[in-house]
Amino acid sequence: ERLTPEGLPTESPEVTVTDPHSGRTVTSRIDLFLPPGQKKGTRRAISEVGRWMNYVTDGRFLTMAADLSGSINVEKSH
């Protein structure tokens, strides 16, 4: 259900995830949609989509180009 378009949150959900390797828990908000008139850059949008993808797939979002991952803010989008 959360992988369907209808499952996308229109509000910014606060999510808590745990790194399975370190056990470290992180709580953050994911902003897929912004209020009208509020602007953020393309890299921020890609980062938020990556964070959502990691959340709904339990960390299965993967990029293959390390230099690209860093430049579009998805390297640490967990």
PDB file of N, CA and C in Angstrom:
ATOM      1  N   GLU A   1       0.823  -1.196   0.000  1.00  0.00           N
ATOM      2  CA  GLU A   1       0.000   0.000   0.000  1.00  0.00           C
ATOM      3  C   GLU A   1       0.863   1.254   0.000  1.00  0.00           C
ATOM      4  N   ARG A   2       1.935   1.271   0.778  1.00  0.00           N
ATOM      5  CA  ARG A   2       2.750   2.485   0.829  1.00  0.00           C
ATOM      6  C   ARG A   2       3.611   2.657  -0.415  1.00  0.00           C
ATOM      7  N   LEU A   3       3.681   1.640  -1.289  1.00  0.00           N
ATOM      8  CA  LEU A   3       4.443   1.753  -2.523  1.00  0.00           C
ATOM      9  C   LEU A   3       3.601   2.262  -3.685  1.00  0.00           C
ATOM     10  N   THR A   4       2.306   2.429  -3.501  1.00  0.00           N
ATOM     11  CA  THR A   4       1.432   2.930  -4.550  1.00  0.00           C
ATOM     12  C   THR A   4       1.414   4.456  -4.526  1.00  0.00           C
ATOM     13  N   PRO A   5       1.053   5.092  -5.652  1.00  0.00           N
ATOM     14  CA  PRO A   5       0.957   6.558  -5.642  1.00  0.00           C
ATOM     15  C   PRO A   5       0.002   7.082  -4.574  1.00  0.00           C
ATOM     16  N   GLU A   6      -1.053   6.331  -4.304  1.00  0.00           N
ATOM     17  CA  GLU A   6      -1.999   6.754  -3.275  1.00  0.00           C
ATOM     18  C   GLU A   6      -1.369   6.702  -1.886  1.00  0.00           C
ATOM     19  N   GLY A   7      -0.305   5.914  -1.733  1.00  0.00           N
ATOM     20  CA  GLY A   7       0.365   5.774  -0.446  1.00  0.00           C
ATOM     21  C   GLY A   7       1.364   6.880  -0.141  1.00  0.00           C
ATOM     22  N   LEU A   8       1.601   7.786  -1.106  1.00  0.00           N
ATOM     23  CA  LEU A   8       2.541   8.882  -0.865  1.00  0.00           C
ATOM     24  C   LEU A   8       1.963   9.859   0.151  1.00  0.00           C
ATOM     25  N   PRO A   9       2.743  10.241   1.142  1.00  0.00           N
ATOM     26  CA  PRO A   9       2.245  11.188   2.136  1.00  0.00           C
ATOM     27  C   PRO A   9       2.272  12.617   1.594  1.00  0.00           C
ATOM     28  N   THR A  10       1.166  13.335   1.730  1.00  0.00           N
ATOM     29  CA  THR A  10       1.154  14.736   1.308  1.00  0.00           C
ATOM     30  C   THR A  10       1.687  15.638   2.414  1.00  0.00           C
ATOM     31  N   GLU A  11       1.635  15.179   3.637  1.00  0.00           N
ATOM     32  CA  GLU A  11       2.265  15.886   4.758  1.00  0.00           C
ATOM     33  C   GLU A  11       3.659  15.298   4.942  1.00  0.00           C
ATOM     34  N   SER A  12       4.497  15.955   5.716  1.00  0.00           N
ATOM     35  CA  SER A  12       5.867  15.472   5.952  1.00  0.00           C
ATOM     36  C   SER A  12       5.871  14.505   7.132  1.00  0.00           C
ATOM     37  N   PRO A  13       5.965  13.195   6.857  1.00  0.00           N
ATOM     38  CA  PRO A  13       5.944  12.246   7.968  1.00  0.00           C
ATOM     39  C   PRO A  13       7.267  12.244   8.727  1.00  0.00           C
ATOM     40  N   GLU A  14       7.183  11.999  10.008  1.00  0.00           N
ATOM     41  CA  GLU A  14       8.383  11.785  10.808  1.00  0.00           C
ATOM     42  C   GLU A  14       8.592  10.283  10.866  1.00  0.00           C
ATOM     43  N   VAL A  15       9.748   9.835  10.409  1.00  0.00           N
ATOM     44  CA  VAL A  15      10.030   8.405  10.353  1.00  0.00           C
ATOM     45  C   VAL A  15      11.227   8.075  11.231  1.00  0.00           C
ATOM     46  N   THR A  16      11.232   6.872  11.755  1.00  0.00           N
ATOM     47  CA  THR A  16      12.352   6.385  12.555  1.00  0.00           C
ATOM     48  C   THR A  16      12.876   5.119  11.906  1.00  0.00           C
ATOM     49  N   VAL A  17      14.170   5.106  11.634  1.00  0.00           N
ATOM     50  CA  VAL A  17      14.800   3.934  11.022  1.00  0.00           C
ATOM     51  C   VAL A  17      15.999   3.522  11.857  1.00  0.00           C
ATOM     52  N   THR A  18      16.309   2.242  11.808  1.00  0.00           N
ATOM     53  CA  THR A  18      17.449   1.700  12.542  1.00  0.00           C
ATOM     54  C   THR A  18      18.420   1.066  11.562  1.00  0.00           C
ATOM     55  N   ASP A  19      19.678   1.458  11.649  1.00  0.00           N
ATOM     56  CA  ASP A  19      20.725   0.869  10.815  1.00  0.00           C
ATOM     57  C   ASP A  19      20.944  -0.561  11.290  1.00  0.00           C
ATOM     58  N   PRO A  20      20.733  -1.560  10.416  1.00  0.00           N
ATOM     59  CA  PRO A  20      20.859  -2.953  10.854  1.00  0.00           C
ATOM     60  C   PRO A  20      22.285  -3.352  11.224  1.00  0.00           C
ATOM     61  N   HIS A  21      23.263  -2.608  10.746  1.00  0.00           N
ATOM     62  CA  HIS A  21      24.662  -2.947  11.031  1.00  0.00           C
ATOM     63  C   HIS A  21      25.156  -2.341  12.333  1.00  0.00           C
ATOM     64  N   SER A  22      24.826  -1.058  12.550  1.00  0.00           N
ATOM     65  CA  SER A  22      25.331  -0.378  13.748  1.00  0.00           C
ATOM     66  C   SER A  22      24.320  -0.363  14.885  1.00  0.00           C
ATOM     67  N   GLY A  23      23.028  -0.547  14.549  1.00  0.00           N
ATOM     68  CA  GLY A  23      21.991  -0.453  15.563  1.00  0.00           C
ATOM     69  C   GLY A  23      21.592   0.982  15.863  1.00  0.00           C
ATOM     70  N   ARG A  24      22.216   1.941  15.184  1.00  0.00           N
ATOM     71  CA  ARG A  24      21.934   3.362  15.397  1.00  0.00           C
ATOM     72  C   ARG A  24      20.543   3.696  14.869  1.00  0.00           C
ATOM     73  N   THR A  25      19.765   4.425  15.659  1.00  0.00           N
ATOM     74  CA  THR A  25      18.421   4.829  15.270  1.00  0.00           C
ATOM     75  C   THR A  25      18.418   6.308  14.921  1.00  0.00           C
ATOM     76  N   VAL A  26      17.753   6.641  13.807  1.00  0.00           N
ATOM     77  CA  VAL A  26      17.661   8.021  13.344  1.00  0.00           C
ATOM     78  C   VAL A  26      16.197   8.354  13.118  1.00  0.00           C
ATOM     79  N   THR A  27      15.775   9.512  13.607  1.00  0.00           N
ATOM     80  CA  THR A  27      14.425  10.010  13.367  1.00  0.00           C
ATOM     81  C   THR A  27      14.533  11.281  12.541  1.00  0.00           C
ATOM     82  N   SER A  28      13.766  11.346  11.452  1.00  0.00           N
ATOM     83  CA  SER A  28      13.796  12.540  10.610  1.00  0.00           C
ATOM     84  C   SER A  28      12.469  12.686   9.880  1.00  0.00           C
ATOM     85  N   ARG A  29      12.311  13.824   9.215  1.00  0.00           N
ATOM     86  CA  ARG A  29      11.114  14.093   8.423  1.00  0.00           C
ATOM     87  C   ARG A  29      11.470  13.933   6.947  1.00  0.00           C
ATOM     88  N   ILE A  30      10.504  13.497   6.167  1.00  0.00           N
ATOM     89  CA  ILE A  30      10.692  13.378   4.724  1.00  0.00           C
ATOM     90  C   ILE A  30       9.691  14.312   4.054  1.00  0.00           C
ATOM     91  N   ASP A  31      10.213  15.263   3.281  1.00  0.00           N
ATOM     92  CA  ASP A  31       9.376  16.277   2.627  1.00  0.00           C
ATOM     93  C   ASP A  31       9.230  15.974   1.143  1.00  0.00           C
ATOM     94  N   LEU A  32       8.237  15.156   0.784  1.00  0.00           N
ATOM     95  CA  LEU A  32       8.005  14.868  -0.629  1.00  0.00           C
ATOM     96  C   LEU A  32       7.264  16.003  -1.317  1.00  0.00           C
ATOM     97  N   PHE A  33       6.438  16.709  -0.582  1.00  0.00           N
ATOM     98  CA  PHE A  33       5.666  17.818  -1.132  1.00  0.00           C
ATOM     99  C   PHE A  33       5.908  19.049  -0.279  1.00  0.00           C
ATOM    100  N   LEU A  34       5.969  20.206  -0.921  1.00  0.00           N
ATOM    101  CA  LEU A  34       6.177  21.471  -0.224  1.00  0.00           C
ATOM    102  C   LEU A  34       4.963  22.360  -0.426  1.00  0.00           C
ATOM    103  N   PRO A  35       4.759  23.311   0.478  1.00  0.00           N
ATOM    104  CA  PRO A  35       3.660  24.257   0.295  1.00  0.00           C
ATOM    105  C   PRO A  35       3.865  25.079  -0.981  1.00  0.00           C
ATOM    106  N   PRO A  36       2.786  25.521  -1.611  1.00  0.00           N
ATOM    107  CA  PRO A  36       2.917  26.351  -2.818  1.00  0.00           C
ATOM    108  C   PRO A  36       3.800  27.568  -2.543  1.00  0.00           C
ATOM    109  N   GLY A  37       4.704  27.831  -3.471  1.00  0.00           N
ATOM    110  CA  GLY A  37       5.585  28.987  -3.348  1.00  0.00           C
ATOM    111  C   GLY A  37       6.906  28.702  -2.661  1.00  0.00           C
ATOM    112  N   GLN A  38       6.988  27.630  -1.899  1.00  0.00           N
ATOM    113  CA  GLN A  38       8.251  27.291  -1.233  1.00  0.00           C
ATOM    114  C   GLN A  38       9.144  26.572  -2.236  1.00  0.00           C
ATOM    115  N   LYS A  39      10.392  27.032  -2.338  1.00  0.00           N
ATOM    116  CA  LYS A  39      11.299  26.470  -3.336  1.00  0.00           C
ATOM    117  C   LYS A  39      12.494  25.804  -2.679  1.00  0.00           C
ATOM    118  N   LYS A  40      12.890  24.698  -3.257  1.00  0.00           N
ATOM    119  CA  LYS A  40      14.131  24.017  -2.882  1.00  0.00           C
ATOM    120  C   LYS A  40      14.756  23.509  -4.170  1.00  0.00           C
ATOM    121  N   GLY A  41      16.034  23.257  -4.161  1.00  0.00           N
ATOM    122  CA  GLY A  41      16.737  22.844  -5.367  1.00  0.00           C
ATOM    123  C   GLY A  41      16.435  21.419  -5.794  1.00  0.00           C
ATOM    124  N   THR A  42      16.823  21.121  -7.019  1.00  0.00           N
ATOM    125  CA  THR A  42      16.617  19.792  -7.589  1.00  0.00           C
ATOM    126  C   THR A  42      17.336  18.719  -6.783  1.00  0.00           C
ATOM    127  N   ARG A  43      18.556  19.014  -6.328  1.00  0.00           N
ATOM    128  CA  ARG A  43      19.294  18.019  -5.536  1.00  0.00           C
ATOM    129  C   ARG A  43      18.554  17.682  -4.251  1.00  0.00           C
ATOM    130  N   ARG A  44      17.928  18.671  -3.616  1.00  0.00           N
ATOM    131  CA  ARG A  44      17.161  18.421  -2.393  1.00  0.00           C
ATOM    132  C   ARG A  44      15.967  17.534  -2.714  1.00  0.00           C
ATOM    133  N   ALA A  45      15.302  17.783  -3.840  1.00  0.00           N
ATOM    134  CA  ALA A  45      14.149  16.961  -4.228  1.00  0.00           C
ATOM    135  C   ALA A  45      14.575  15.513  -4.453  1.00  0.00           C
ATOM    136  N   ILE A  46      15.684  15.313  -5.156  1.00  0.00           N
ATOM    137  CA  ILE A  46      16.179  13.955  -5.403  1.00  0.00           C
ATOM    138  C   ILE A  46      16.534  13.279  -4.086  1.00  0.00           C
ATOM    139  N   SER A  47      17.134  14.028  -3.173  1.00  0.00           N
ATOM    140  CA  SER A  47      17.493  13.482  -1.866  1.00  0.00           C
ATOM    141  C   SER A  47      16.255  13.038  -1.087  1.00  0.00           C
ATOM    142  N   GLU A  48      15.203  13.852  -1.102  1.00  0.00           N
ATOM    143  CA  GLU A  48      13.975  13.501  -0.377  1.00  0.00           C
ATOM    144  C   GLU A  48      13.318  12.264  -0.983  1.00  0.00           C
ATOM    145  N   VAL A  49      13.301  12.169  -2.311  1.00  0.00           N
ATOM    146  CA  VAL A  49      12.741  10.980  -2.967  1.00  0.00           C
ATOM    147  C   VAL A  49      13.575   9.752  -2.604  1.00  0.00           C
ATOM    148  N   GLY A  50      14.900   9.902  -2.593  1.00  0.00           N
ATOM    149  CA  GLY A  50      15.773   8.796  -2.187  1.00  0.00           C
ATOM    150  C   GLY A  50      15.531   8.370  -0.757  1.00  0.00           C
ATOM    151  N   ARG A  51      15.329   9.343   0.130  1.00  0.00           N
ATOM    152  CA  ARG A  51      15.037   9.018   1.533  1.00  0.00           C
ATOM    153  C   ARG A  51      13.730   8.244   1.636  1.00  0.00           C
ATOM    154  N   TRP A  52      12.705   8.668   0.896  1.00  0.00           N
ATOM    155  CA  TRP A  52      11.416   7.968   0.918  1.00  0.00           C
ATOM    156  C   TRP A  52      11.572   6.551   0.370  1.00  0.00           C
ATOM    157  N   MET A  53      12.311   6.426  -0.743  1.00  0.00           N
ATOM    158  CA  MET A  53      12.525   5.097  -1.327  1.00  0.00           C
ATOM    159  C   MET A  53      13.251   4.188  -0.341  1.00  0.00           C
ATOM    160  N   ASN A  54      14.253   4.702   0.343  1.00  0.00           N
ATOM    161  CA  ASN A  54      14.955   3.900   1.347  1.00  0.00           C
ATOM    162  C   ASN A  54      14.028   3.510   2.488  1.00  0.00           C
ATOM    163  N   TYR A  55      13.155   4.419   2.886  1.00  0.00           N
ATOM    164  CA  TYR A  55      12.236   4.131   3.988  1.00  0.00           C
ATOM    165  C   TYR A  55      11.246   3.029   3.609  1.00  0.00           C
ATOM    166  N   VAL A  56      10.607   3.166   2.449  1.00  0.00           N
ATOM    167  CA  VAL A  56       9.563   2.195   2.090  1.00  0.00           C
ATOM    168  C   VAL A  56      10.125   0.854   1.630  1.00  0.00           C
ATOM    169  N   THR A  57      11.398   0.817   1.231  1.00  0.00           N
ATOM    170  CA  THR A  57      11.991  -0.448   0.775  1.00  0.00           C
ATOM    171  C   THR A  57      12.978  -1.016   1.790  1.00  0.00           C
ATOM    172  N   ASP A  58      12.991  -0.467   2.988  1.00  0.00           N
ATOM    173  CA  ASP A  58      13.913  -0.918   4.040  1.00  0.00           C
ATOM    174  C   ASP A  58      15.374  -0.839   3.604  1.00  0.00           C
ATOM    175  N   GLY A  59      15.737   0.294   2.988  1.00  0.00           N
ATOM    176  CA  GLY A  59      17.134   0.549   2.654  1.00  0.00           C
ATOM    177  C   GLY A  59      17.637  -0.107   1.389  1.00  0.00           C
ATOM    178  N   ARG A  60      16.765  -0.395   0.449  1.00  0.00           N
ATOM    179  CA  ARG A  60      17.195  -1.074  -0.775  1.00  0.00           C
ATOM    180  C   ARG A  60      17.499  -0.131  -1.936  1.00  0.00           C
ATOM    181  N   PHE A  61      17.394   1.183  -1.722  1.00  0.00           N
ATOM    182  CA  PHE A  61      17.714   2.150  -2.776  1.00  0.00           C
ATOM    183  C   PHE A  61      19.223   2.183  -2.947  1.00  0.00           C
ATOM    184  N   LEU A  62      19.694   2.024  -4.174  1.00  0.00           N
ATOM    185  CA  LEU A  62      21.123   1.895  -4.428  1.00  0.00           C
ATOM    186  C   LEU A  62      21.513   2.754  -5.621  1.00  0.00           C
ATOM    187  N   THR A  63      22.589   3.497  -5.483  1.00  0.00           N
ATOM    188  CA  THR A  63      23.154   4.200  -6.637  1.00  0.00           C
ATOM    189  C   THR A  63      24.489   3.555  -6.953  1.00  0.00           C
ATOM    190  N   MET A  64      24.859   3.575  -8.209  1.00  0.00           N
ATOM    191  CA  MET A  64      26.068   2.874  -8.632  1.00  0.00           C
ATOM    192  C   MET A  64      27.269   3.795  -8.847  1.00  0.00           C
ATOM    193  N   ALA A  65      27.059   5.090  -8.955  1.00  0.00           N
ATOM    194  CA  ALA A  65      28.161   6.023  -9.193  1.00  0.00           C
ATOM    195  C   ALA A  65      28.396   6.841  -7.932  1.00  0.00           C
ATOM    196  N   ALA A  66      29.488   6.561  -7.256  1.00  0.00           N
ATOM    197  CA  ALA A  66      29.763   7.231  -5.980  1.00  0.00           C
ATOM    198  C   ALA A  66      29.832   8.739  -6.135  1.00  0.00           C
ATOM    199  N   ASP A  67      30.426   9.228  -7.219  1.00  0.00           N
ATOM    200  CA  ASP A  67      30.513  10.673  -7.395  1.00  0.00           C
ATOM    201  C   ASP A  67      29.134  11.282  -7.613  1.00  0.00           C
ATOM    202  N   LEU A  68      28.262  10.586  -8.315  1.00  0.00           N
ATOM    203  CA  LEU A  68      26.901  11.066  -8.517  1.00  0.00           C
ATOM    204  C   LEU A  68      26.116  11.016  -7.211  1.00  0.00           C
ATOM    205  N   SER A  69      26.275   9.961  -6.447  1.00  0.00           N
ATOM    206  CA  SER A  69      25.552   9.821  -5.175  1.00  0.00           C
ATOM    207  C   SER A  69      25.843  10.993  -4.252  1.00  0.00           C
ATOM    208  N   GLY A  70      27.094  11.404  -4.190  1.00  0.00           N
ATOM    209  CA  GLY A  70      27.453  12.531  -3.332  1.00  0.00           C
ATOM    210  C   GLY A  70      26.927  13.851  -3.862  1.00  0.00           C
ATOM    211  N   SER A  71      26.999  14.055  -5.175  1.00  0.00           N
ATOM    212  CA  SER A  71      26.620  15.351  -5.733  1.00  0.00           C
ATOM    213  C   SER A  71      25.118  15.580  -5.742  1.00  0.00           C
ATOM    214  N   ILE A  72      24.306  14.534  -5.721  1.00  0.00           N
ATOM    215  CA  ILE A  72      22.851  14.732  -5.701  1.00  0.00           C
ATOM    216  C   ILE A  72      22.251  14.439  -4.328  1.00  0.00           C
ATOM    217  N   ASN A  73      23.090  14.400  -3.310  1.00  0.00           N
ATOM    218  CA  ASN A  73      22.639  14.265  -1.919  1.00  0.00           C
ATOM    219  C   ASN A  73      21.930  12.958  -1.597  1.00  0.00           C
ATOM    220  N   VAL A  74      22.256  11.862  -2.254  1.00  0.00           N
ATOM    221  CA  VAL A  74      21.634  10.590  -1.874  1.00  0.00           C
ATOM    222  C   VAL A  74      22.610   9.669  -1.165  1.00  0.00           C
ATOM    223  N   GLU A  75      23.856  10.091  -1.063  1.00  0.00           N
ATOM    224  CA  GLU A  75      24.861   9.254  -0.410  1.00  0.00           C
ATOM    225  C   GLU A  75      24.461   8.907   1.016  1.00  0.00           C
ATOM    226  N   LYS A  76      23.871   9.866   1.721  1.00  0.00           N
ATOM    227  CA  LYS A  76      23.468   9.629   3.111  1.00  0.00           C
ATOM    228  C   LYS A  76      21.976   9.881   3.281  1.00  0.00           C
ATOM    229  N   SER A  77      21.167   9.410   2.353  1.00  0.00           N
ATOM    230  CA  SER A  77      19.727   9.687   2.420  1.00  0.00           C
ATOM    231  C   SER A  77      18.974   8.624   3.200  1.00  0.00           C
ATOM    232  N   HIS A  78      19.512   8.241   4.339  1.00  0.00           N
ATOM    233  CA  HIS A  78      18.811   7.287   5.202  1.00  0.00           C
ATOM    234  C   HIS A  78      18.343   7.988   6.440  1.00  0.00           C
TER     235      HIS A  78
END
